[in-house]
């Protein structure tokens, strides 16, 4: 099952303007973010926690932004 990262990416764009700017703040390469989103590389919990900090995502909202099933 794949995840729908649409809400996460929307929040990234809203707060940082670009995914590249978010990646710089998160300390990852843009292609790493692409790999996380595409499911090529597992998204580590350390990244999720850093993203929550940068995007002001509350603990109870983590499931909505990072573990939302893709509804094909």
PDB file of N, CA and C in Angstrom:
ATOM      1  N   UNK A   1       0.834  -1.178   0.000  1.00  0.00           N
ATOM      2  CA  UNK A   1       0.000   0.000   0.000  1.00  0.00           C
ATOM      3  C   UNK A   1       0.886   1.250   0.000  1.00  0.00           C
ATOM      4  N   UNK A   2       0.560   2.178  -0.863  1.00  0.00           N
ATOM      5  CA  UNK A   2       1.315   3.418  -0.955  1.00  0.00           C
ATOM      6  C   UNK A   2       0.637   4.509  -0.139  1.00  0.00           C
ATOM      7  N   UNK A   3       1.426   5.492   0.262  1.00  0.00           N
ATOM      8  CA  UNK A   3       0.888   6.626   1.012  1.00  0.00           C
ATOM      9  C   UNK A   3       0.634   7.803   0.094  1.00  0.00           C
ATOM     10  N   UNK A   4      -0.322   8.621   0.482  1.00  0.00           N
ATOM     11  CA  UNK A   4      -0.643   9.847  -0.224  1.00  0.00           C
ATOM     12  C   UNK A   4       0.046  10.997   0.519  1.00  0.00           C
ATOM     13  N   UNK A   5       1.069  11.546  -0.066  1.00  0.00           N
ATOM     14  CA  UNK A   5       1.811  12.635   0.563  1.00  0.00           C
ATOM     15  C   UNK A   5       1.353  14.009   0.093  1.00  0.00           C
ATOM     16  N   UNK A   6       0.208  14.080  -0.557  1.00  0.00           N
ATOM     17  CA  UNK A   6      -0.325  15.354  -1.040  1.00  0.00           C
ATOM     18  C   UNK A   6      -0.428  16.416   0.049  1.00  0.00           C
ATOM     19  N   UNK A   7      -1.047  16.107   1.195  1.00  0.00           N
ATOM     20  CA  UNK A   7      -1.131  17.117   2.251  1.00  0.00           C
ATOM     21  C   UNK A   7       0.238  17.559   2.774  1.00  0.00           C
ATOM     22  N   UNK A   8       1.170  16.626   2.861  1.00  0.00           N
ATOM     23  CA  UNK A   8       2.525  16.963   3.301  1.00  0.00           C
ATOM     24  C   UNK A   8       3.186  17.914   2.302  1.00  0.00           C
ATOM     25  N   UNK A   9       3.115  17.576   1.025  1.00  0.00           N
ATOM     26  CA  UNK A   9       3.752  18.414   0.003  1.00  0.00           C
ATOM     27  C   UNK A   9       3.092  19.785  -0.085  1.00  0.00           C
ATOM     28  N   UNK A  10       1.782  19.843   0.113  1.00  0.00           N
ATOM     29  CA  UNK A  10       1.073  21.127   0.125  1.00  0.00           C
ATOM     30  C   UNK A  10       1.612  21.996   1.258  1.00  0.00           C
ATOM     31  N   UNK A  11       1.795  21.378   2.424  1.00  0.00           N
ATOM     32  CA  UNK A  11       2.300  22.128   3.582  1.00  0.00           C
ATOM     33  C   UNK A  11       3.736  22.596   3.348  1.00  0.00           C
ATOM     34  N   UNK A  12       4.548  21.761   2.718  1.00  0.00           N
ATOM     35  CA  UNK A  12       5.919  22.148   2.370  1.00  0.00           C
ATOM     36  C   UNK A  12       5.890  23.379   1.477  1.00  0.00           C
ATOM     37  N   UNK A  13       5.081  23.334   0.420  1.00  0.00           N
ATOM     38  CA  UNK A  13       5.006  24.458  -0.521  1.00  0.00           C
ATOM     39  C   UNK A  13       4.460  25.721   0.145  1.00  0.00           C
ATOM     40  N   UNK A  14       3.485  25.540   1.031  1.00  0.00           N
ATOM     41  CA  UNK A  14       2.881  26.699   1.702  1.00  0.00           C
ATOM     42  C   UNK A  14       3.893  27.394   2.612  1.00  0.00           C
ATOM     43  N   UNK A  15       4.671  26.622   3.355  1.00  0.00           N
ATOM     44  CA  UNK A  15       5.590  27.210   4.330  1.00  0.00           C
ATOM     45  C   UNK A  15       6.931  27.611   3.720  1.00  0.00           C
ATOM     46  N   UNK A  16       7.452  26.806   2.778  1.00  0.00           N
ATOM     47  CA  UNK A  16       8.794  27.048   2.245  1.00  0.00           C
ATOM     48  C   UNK A  16       8.804  27.567   0.810  1.00  0.00           C
ATOM     49  N   UNK A  17       7.704  27.464   0.112  1.00  0.00           N
ATOM     50  CA  UNK A  17       7.651  27.946  -1.268  1.00  0.00           C
ATOM     51  C   UNK A  17       8.093  26.915  -2.281  1.00  0.00           C
ATOM     52  N   UNK A  18       9.150  26.169  -1.945  1.00  0.00           N
ATOM     53  CA  UNK A  18       9.635  25.124  -2.848  1.00  0.00           C
ATOM     54  C   UNK A  18      10.102  23.922  -2.026  1.00  0.00           C
ATOM     55  N   UNK A  19      10.103  22.777  -2.679  1.00  0.00           N
ATOM     56  CA  UNK A  19      10.622  21.582  -2.025  1.00  0.00           C
ATOM     57  C   UNK A  19      12.122  21.714  -1.797  1.00  0.00           C
ATOM     58  N   UNK A  20      12.803  22.401  -2.695  1.00  0.00           N
ATOM     59  CA  UNK A  20      14.245  22.589  -2.552  1.00  0.00           C
ATOM     60  C   UNK A  20      14.561  23.370  -1.280  1.00  0.00           C
ATOM     61  N   UNK A  21      13.809  24.433  -1.011  1.00  0.00           N
ATOM     62  CA  UNK A  21      14.026  25.229   0.202  1.00  0.00           C
ATOM     63  C   UNK A  21      13.756  24.392   1.454  1.00  0.00           C
ATOM     64  N   UNK A  22      12.717  23.571   1.404  1.00  0.00           N
ATOM     65  CA  UNK A  22      12.424  22.680   2.529  1.00  0.00           C
ATOM     66  C   UNK A  22      13.569  21.698   2.746  1.00  0.00           C
ATOM     67  N   UNK A  23      14.069  21.112   1.670  1.00  0.00           N
ATOM     68  CA  UNK A  23      15.158  20.136   1.772  1.00  0.00           C
ATOM     69  C   UNK A  23      16.403  20.766   2.382  1.00  0.00           C
ATOM     70  N   UNK A  24      16.705  21.990   1.998  1.00  0.00           N
ATOM     71  CA  UNK A  24      17.852  22.688   2.576  1.00  0.00           C
ATOM     72  C   UNK A  24      17.673  22.843   4.078  1.00  0.00           C
ATOM     73  N   UNK A  25      16.472  23.238   4.505  1.00  0.00           N
ATOM     74  CA  UNK A  25      16.194  23.416   5.934  1.00  0.00           C
ATOM     75  C   UNK A  25      16.233  22.084   6.677  1.00  0.00           C
ATOM     76  N   UNK A  26      15.797  21.010   5.999  1.00  0.00           N
ATOM     77  CA  UNK A  26      15.763  19.679   6.616  1.00  0.00           C
ATOM     78  C   UNK A  26      17.114  18.985   6.575  1.00  0.00           C
ATOM     79  N   UNK A  27      18.041  19.514   5.788  1.00  0.00           N
ATOM     80  CA  UNK A  27      19.365  18.912   5.699  1.00  0.00           C
ATOM     81  C   UNK A  27      19.420  17.659   4.843  1.00  0.00           C
ATOM     82  N   UNK A  28      18.548  17.599   3.824  1.00  0.00           N
ATOM     83  CA  UNK A  28      18.554  16.451   2.910  1.00  0.00           C
ATOM     84  C   UNK A  28      18.634  16.969   1.481  1.00  0.00           C
ATOM     85  N   UNK A  29      19.055  16.109   0.591  1.00  0.00           N
ATOM     86  CA  UNK A  29      19.099  16.446  -0.832  1.00  0.00           C
ATOM     87  C   UNK A  29      17.683  16.333  -1.416  1.00  0.00           C
ATOM     88  N   UNK A  30      17.357  17.157  -2.398  1.00  0.00           N
ATOM     89  CA  UNK A  30      16.030  17.062  -3.014  1.00  0.00           C
ATOM     90  C   UNK A  30      15.703  15.670  -3.553  1.00  0.00           C
ATOM     91  N   UNK A  31      16.711  14.977  -4.101  1.00  0.00           N
ATOM     92  CA  UNK A  31      16.426  13.633  -4.623  1.00  0.00           C
ATOM     93  C   UNK A  31      16.108  12.648  -3.493  1.00  0.00           C
ATOM     94  N   UNK A  32      16.601  12.914  -2.295  1.00  0.00           N
ATOM     95  CA  UNK A  32      16.250  12.073  -1.139  1.00  0.00           C
ATOM     96  C   UNK A  32      14.772  12.222  -0.829  1.00  0.00           C
ATOM     97  N   UNK A  33      14.269  13.454  -0.858  1.00  0.00           N
ATOM     98  CA  UNK A  33      12.835  13.673  -0.622  1.00  0.00           C
ATOM     99  C   UNK A  33      12.008  12.961  -1.683  1.00  0.00           C
ATOM    100  N   UNK A  34      12.428  13.044  -2.921  1.00  0.00           N
ATOM    101  CA  UNK A  34      11.722  12.355  -4.007  1.00  0.00           C
ATOM    102  C   UNK A  34      11.694  10.852  -3.743  1.00  0.00           C
ATOM    103  N   UNK A  35      12.814  10.304  -3.297  1.00  0.00           N
ATOM    104  CA  UNK A  35      12.866   8.869  -2.994  1.00  0.00           C
ATOM    105  C   UNK A  35      11.936   8.503  -1.848  1.00  0.00           C
ATOM    106  N   UNK A  36      11.846   9.355  -0.837  1.00  0.00           N
ATOM    107  CA  UNK A  36      10.904   9.112   0.268  1.00  0.00           C
ATOM    108  C   UNK A  36       9.469   9.110  -0.238  1.00  0.00           C
ATOM    109  N   UNK A  37       9.126  10.114  -1.016  1.00  0.00           N
ATOM    110  CA  UNK A  37       7.754  10.268  -1.506  1.00  0.00           C
ATOM    111  C   UNK A  37       7.376   9.128  -2.448  1.00  0.00           C
ATOM    112  N   UNK A  38       8.308   8.718  -3.296  1.00  0.00           N
ATOM    113  CA  UNK A  38       8.028   7.643  -4.250  1.00  0.00           C
ATOM    114  C   UNK A  38       8.089   6.252  -3.627  1.00  0.00           C
ATOM    115  N   UNK A  39       8.551   6.173  -2.378  1.00  0.00           N
ATOM    116  CA  UNK A  39       8.644   4.879  -1.709  1.00  0.00           C
ATOM    117  C   UNK A  39       9.885   4.087  -2.087  1.00  0.00           C
ATOM    118  N   UNK A  40      10.805   4.714  -2.789  1.00  0.00           N
ATOM    119  CA  UNK A  40      12.056   4.059  -3.178  1.00  0.00           C
ATOM    120  C   UNK A  40      12.938   3.822  -1.961  1.00  0.00           C
ATOM    121  N   UNK A  41      12.940   4.794  -1.061  1.00  0.00           N
ATOM    122  CA  UNK A  41      13.702   4.729   0.177  1.00  0.00           C
ATOM    123  C   UNK A  41      12.734   4.894   1.343  1.00  0.00           C
ATOM    124  N   UNK A  42      12.803   4.038   2.350  1.00  0.00           N
ATOM    125  CA  UNK A  42      11.926   4.216   3.514  1.00  0.00           C
ATOM    126  C   UNK A  42      12.180   5.565   4.190  1.00  0.00           C
ATOM    127  N   UNK A  43      11.107   6.210   4.611  1.00  0.00           N
ATOM    128  CA  UNK A  43      11.206   7.504   5.268  1.00  0.00           C
ATOM    129  C   UNK A  43      11.536   7.275   6.748  1.00  0.00           C
ATOM    130  N   UNK A  44      12.737   7.674   7.189  1.00  0.00           N
ATOM    131  CA  UNK A  44      13.114   7.417   8.575  1.00  0.00           C
ATOM    132  C   UNK A  44      12.345   8.295   9.563  1.00  0.00           C
ATOM    133  N   UNK A  45      12.163   7.787  10.753  1.00  0.00           N
ATOM    134  CA  UNK A  45      11.437   8.544  11.783  1.00  0.00           C
ATOM    135  C   UNK A  45      12.167   9.834  12.127  1.00  0.00           C
ATOM    136  N   UNK A  46      13.491   9.856  12.007  1.00  0.00           N
ATOM    137  CA  UNK A  46      14.228  11.089  12.291  1.00  0.00           C
ATOM    138  C   UNK A  46      13.856  12.187  11.306  1.00  0.00           C
ATOM    139  N   UNK A  47      13.637  11.807  10.040  1.00  0.00           N
ATOM    140  CA  UNK A  47      13.202  12.790   9.055  1.00  0.00           C
ATOM    141  C   UNK A  47      11.782  13.265   9.358  1.00  0.00           C
ATOM    142  N   UNK A  48      10.910  12.340   9.710  1.00  0.00           N
ATOM    143  CA  UNK A  48       9.521  12.708  10.023  1.00  0.00           C
ATOM    144  C   UNK A  48       9.489  13.700  11.183  1.00  0.00           C
ATOM    145  N   UNK A  49      10.270  13.449  12.208  1.00  0.00           N
ATOM    146  CA  UNK A  49      10.299  14.359  13.356  1.00  0.00           C
ATOM    147  C   UNK A  49      10.860  15.725  12.974  1.00  0.00           C
ATOM    148  N   UNK A  50      11.892  15.761  12.137  1.00  0.00           N
ATOM    149  CA  UNK A  50      12.468  17.028  11.678  1.00  0.00           C
ATOM    150  C   UNK A  50      11.453  17.782  10.820  1.00  0.00           C
ATOM    151  N   UNK A  51      10.760  17.066   9.942  1.00  0.00           N
ATOM    152  CA  UNK A  51       9.754  17.694   9.091  1.00  0.00           C
ATOM    153  C   UNK A  51       8.620  18.272   9.938  1.00  0.00           C
ATOM    154  N   UNK A  52       8.216  17.548  10.974  1.00  0.00           N
ATOM    155  CA  UNK A  52       7.163  18.042  11.864  1.00  0.00           C
ATOM    156  C   UNK A  52       7.598  19.331  12.549  1.00  0.00           C
ATOM    157  N   UNK A  53       8.844  19.367  12.961  1.00  0.00           N
ATOM    158  CA  UNK A  53       9.383  20.566  13.604  1.00  0.00           C
ATOM    159  C   UNK A  53       9.377  21.746  12.626  1.00  0.00           C
ATOM    160  N   UNK A  54       9.855  21.515  11.411  1.00  0.00           N
ATOM    161  CA  UNK A  54       9.948  22.583  10.414  1.00  0.00           C
ATOM    162  C   UNK A  54       8.579  23.057   9.930  1.00  0.00           C
ATOM    163  N   UNK A  55       7.620  22.148   9.884  1.00  0.00           N
ATOM    164  CA  UNK A  55       6.303  22.462   9.317  1.00  0.00           C
ATOM    165  C   UNK A  55       5.228  22.695  10.381  1.00  0.00           C
ATOM    166  N   UNK A  56       5.632  22.712  11.639  1.00  0.00           N
ATOM    167  CA  UNK A  56       4.691  22.919  12.747  1.00  0.00           C
ATOM    168  C   UNK A  56       3.551  21.901  12.723  1.00  0.00           C
ATOM    169  N   UNK A  57       3.913  20.639  12.500  1.00  0.00           N
ATOM    170  CA  UNK A  57       2.930  19.547  12.511  1.00  0.00           C
ATOM    171  C   UNK A  57       2.909  18.960  13.911  1.00  0.00           C
ATOM    172  N   UNK A  58       1.721  18.905  14.494  1.00  0.00           N
ATOM    173  CA  UNK A  58       1.563  18.362  15.843  1.00  0.00           C
ATOM    174  C   UNK A  58       1.672  16.835  15.807  1.00  0.00           C
ATOM    175  N   UNK A  59       2.057  16.277  16.937  1.00  0.00           N
ATOM    176  CA  UNK A  59       2.220  14.827  17.045  1.00  0.00           C
ATOM    177  C   UNK A  59       0.966  14.086  16.598  1.00  0.00           C
ATOM    178  N   UNK A  60      -0.195  14.568  16.994  1.00  0.00           N
ATOM    179  CA  UNK A  60      -1.445  13.890  16.636  1.00  0.00           C
ATOM    180  C   UNK A  60      -1.804  14.025  15.154  1.00  0.00           C
ATOM    181  N   UNK A  61      -1.084  14.855  14.410  1.00  0.00           N
ATOM    182  CA  UNK A  61      -1.332  15.037  12.980  1.00  0.00           C
ATOM    183  C   UNK A  61      -0.380  14.216  12.102  1.00  0.00           C
ATOM    184  N   UNK A  62       0.593  13.543  12.698  1.00  0.00           N
ATOM    185  CA  UNK A  62       1.602  12.810  11.934  1.00  0.00           C
ATOM    186  C   UNK A  62       0.963  11.799  10.981  1.00  0.00           C
ATOM    187  N   UNK A  63      -0.023  11.071  11.439  1.00  0.00           N
ATOM    188  CA  UNK A  63      -0.686  10.080  10.585  1.00  0.00           C
ATOM    189  C   UNK A  63      -1.298  10.699   9.343  1.00  0.00           C
ATOM    190  N   UNK A  64      -1.896  11.877   9.485  1.00  0.00           N
ATOM    191  CA  UNK A  64      -2.531  12.560   8.356  1.00  0.00           C
ATOM    192  C   UNK A  64      -1.506  12.941   7.290  1.00  0.00           C
ATOM    193  N   UNK A  65      -0.344  13.384   7.709  1.00  0.00           N
ATOM    194  CA  UNK A  65       0.660  13.870   6.760  1.00  0.00           C
ATOM    195  C   UNK A  65       1.616  12.788   6.239  1.00  0.00           C
ATOM    196  N   UNK A  66       1.846  11.744   7.020  1.00  0.00           N
ATOM    197  CA  UNK A  66       2.866  10.764   6.634  1.00  0.00           C
ATOM    198  C   UNK A  66       2.369   9.334   6.446  1.00  0.00           C
ATOM    199  N   UNK A  67       1.200   9.016   6.928  1.00  0.00           N
ATOM    200  CA  UNK A  67       0.705   7.643   6.831  1.00  0.00           C
ATOM    201  C   UNK A  67      -0.724   7.608   6.316  1.00  0.00           C
ATOM    202  N   UNK A  68      -0.989   8.409   5.303  1.00  0.00           N
ATOM    203  CA  UNK A  68      -2.310   8.520   4.703  1.00  0.00           C
ATOM    204  C   UNK A  68      -2.356   7.597   3.492  1.00  0.00           C
ATOM    205  N   UNK A  69      -3.206   6.563   3.506  1.00  0.00           N
ATOM    206  CA  UNK A  69      -3.251   5.633   2.376  1.00  0.00           C
ATOM    207  C   UNK A  69      -3.667   6.335   1.079  1.00  0.00           C
ATOM    208  N   UNK A  70      -3.026   5.951   0.006  1.00  0.00           N
ATOM    209  CA  UNK A  70      -3.385   6.459  -1.316  1.00  0.00           C
ATOM    210  C   UNK A  70      -4.652   5.764  -1.761  1.00  0.00           C
ATOM    211  N   UNK A  71      -5.656   6.539  -2.092  1.00  0.00           N
ATOM    212  CA  UNK A  71      -6.956   5.965  -2.478  1.00  0.00           C
ATOM    213  C   UNK A  71      -7.093   5.970  -3.989  1.00  0.00           C
ATOM    214  N   UNK A  72      -6.561   4.935  -4.604  1.00  0.00           N
ATOM    215  CA  UNK A  72      -6.615   4.837  -6.080  1.00  0.00           C
ATOM    216  C   UNK A  72      -8.020   4.538  -6.524  1.00  0.00           C
TER     217      UNK A  72
END
